[in-house]
Amino acid sequence: MELDAKEVLKKKILDAQEMVRDYEMYAKNVQDTEVADLFRNFAEESGYQARKLQDMLKKLDHS
């Protein structure tokens, strides 16, 4: 099954948003502060990716 660009973007947006939630949850639940900081960093990076993917989807929707 071949997906078009918009479908792939939608799927990856959901994946990135799920990663944000997961990393934030892990950061709250681990005792090691260094690991928690790393997870918070990853959550932020995943959020950035989700925003970039959303921007691209909006661009394709308006073209």
C-alpha atoms as a PDB file:
ATOM      1  CA  MET A   1       0.000   0.000   0.000  1.00  0.00           C
ATOM      2  CA  GLU A   2       1.406   3.324  -1.064  1.00  0.00           C
ATOM      3  CA  LEU A   3       0.701   6.420   1.026  1.00  0.00           C
ATOM      4  CA  ASP A   4       0.625   9.938  -0.296  1.00  0.00           C
ATOM      5  CA  ALA A   5       2.666  12.696   1.329  1.00  0.00           C
ATOM      6  CA  LYS A   6      -0.244  14.077   3.377  1.00  0.00           C
ATOM      7  CA  GLU A   7      -1.075  10.665   4.829  1.00  0.00           C
ATOM      8  CA  VAL A   8       2.544  10.070   5.789  1.00  0.00           C
ATOM      9  CA  LEU A   9       2.789  13.520   7.376  1.00  0.00           C
ATOM     10  CA  LYS A  10      -0.382  12.904   9.415  1.00  0.00           C
ATOM     11  CA  LYS A  11       0.959   9.574  10.647  1.00  0.00           C
ATOM     12  CA  LYS A  12       4.342  11.037  11.584  1.00  0.00           C
ATOM     13  CA  ILE A  13       2.693  13.974  13.390  1.00  0.00           C
ATOM     14  CA  LEU A  14       0.788  11.505  15.551  1.00  0.00           C
ATOM     15  CA  ASP A  15       3.975   9.486  16.124  1.00  0.00           C
ATOM     16  CA  ALA A  16       5.921  12.583  17.169  1.00  0.00           C
ATOM     17  CA  GLN A  17       3.124  13.736  19.498  1.00  0.00           C
ATOM     18  CA  GLU A  18       3.061  10.296  21.100  1.00  0.00           C
ATOM     19  CA  MET A  19       6.832  10.462  21.602  1.00  0.00           C
ATOM     20  CA  VAL A  20       6.419  13.828  23.357  1.00  0.00           C
ATOM     21  CA  ARG A  21       3.864  12.330  25.735  1.00  0.00           C
ATOM     22  CA  ASP A  22       6.000   9.245  26.358  1.00  0.00           C
ATOM     23  CA  TYR A  23       9.192  11.176  27.058  1.00  0.00           C
ATOM     24  CA  GLU A  24       7.395  13.613  29.354  1.00  0.00           C
ATOM     25  CA  MET A  25       5.885  10.710  31.293  1.00  0.00           C
ATOM     26  CA  TYR A  26       9.263   8.968  31.541  1.00  0.00           C
ATOM     27  CA  ALA A  27      10.908  12.191  32.712  1.00  0.00           C
ATOM     28  CA  LYS A  28       8.375  12.482  35.542  1.00  0.00           C
ATOM     29  CA  ASN A  29       8.711   8.852  36.599  1.00  0.00           C
ATOM     30  CA  VAL A  30      12.458   8.180  36.605  1.00  0.00           C
ATOM     31  CA  GLN A  31      14.502   8.906  39.717  1.00  0.00           C
ATOM     32  CA  ASP A  32      17.775   9.695  37.932  1.00  0.00           C
ATOM     33  CA  THR A  33      17.784  13.451  37.216  1.00  0.00           C
ATOM     34  CA  GLU A  34      20.258  13.113  34.357  1.00  0.00           C
ATOM     35  CA  VAL A  35      17.998  10.593  32.621  1.00  0.00           C
ATOM     36  CA  ALA A  36      14.938  12.760  33.348  1.00  0.00           C
ATOM     37  CA  ASP A  37      16.693  15.769  31.780  1.00  0.00           C
ATOM     38  CA  LEU A  38      17.562  13.680  28.730  1.00  0.00           C
ATOM     39  CA  PHE A  39      13.923  12.603  28.352  1.00  0.00           C
ATOM     40  CA  ARG A  40      12.739  16.219  28.693  1.00  0.00           C
ATOM     41  CA  ASN A  41      15.208  17.160  25.968  1.00  0.00           C
ATOM     42  CA  PHE A  42      13.898  14.379  23.728  1.00  0.00           C
ATOM     43  CA  ALA A  43      10.313  15.511  24.380  1.00  0.00           C
ATOM     44  CA  GLU A  44      11.244  19.014  23.279  1.00  0.00           C
ATOM     45  CA  GLU A  45      12.952  17.726  20.132  1.00  0.00           C
ATOM     46  CA  SER A  46       9.960  15.533  19.291  1.00  0.00           C
ATOM     47  CA  GLY A  47       7.682  18.549  19.780  1.00  0.00           C
ATOM     48  CA  TYR A  48       9.814  20.532  17.364  1.00  0.00           C
ATOM     49  CA  GLN A  49       9.544  17.720  14.815  1.00  0.00           C
ATOM     50  CA  ALA A  50       5.765  17.587  15.245  1.00  0.00           C
ATOM     51  CA  ARG A  51       5.511  21.346  14.646  1.00  0.00           C
ATOM     52  CA  LYS A  52       7.660  21.151  11.504  1.00  0.00           C
ATOM     53  CA  LEU A  53       5.560  18.273  10.176  1.00  0.00           C
ATOM     54  CA  GLN A  54       2.349  20.224  10.902  1.00  0.00           C
ATOM     55  CA  ASP A  55       3.756  23.263   9.097  1.00  0.00           C
ATOM     56  CA  MET A  56       4.520  21.137   6.041  1.00  0.00           C
ATOM     57  CA  LEU A  57       1.043  19.583   6.100  1.00  0.00           C
ATOM     58  CA  LYS A  58      -0.555  23.050   6.238  1.00  0.00           C
ATOM     59  CA  LYS A  59       1.633  24.138   3.337  1.00  0.00           C
ATOM     60  CA  LEU A  60       0.488  21.149   1.260  1.00  0.00           C
ATOM     61  CA  ASP A  61      -3.150  21.734   2.222  1.00  0.00           C
ATOM     62  CA  HIS A  62      -2.966  25.308   0.929  1.00  0.00           C
ATOM     63  CA  SER A  63      -1.200  24.531  -2.334  1.00  0.00           C
END
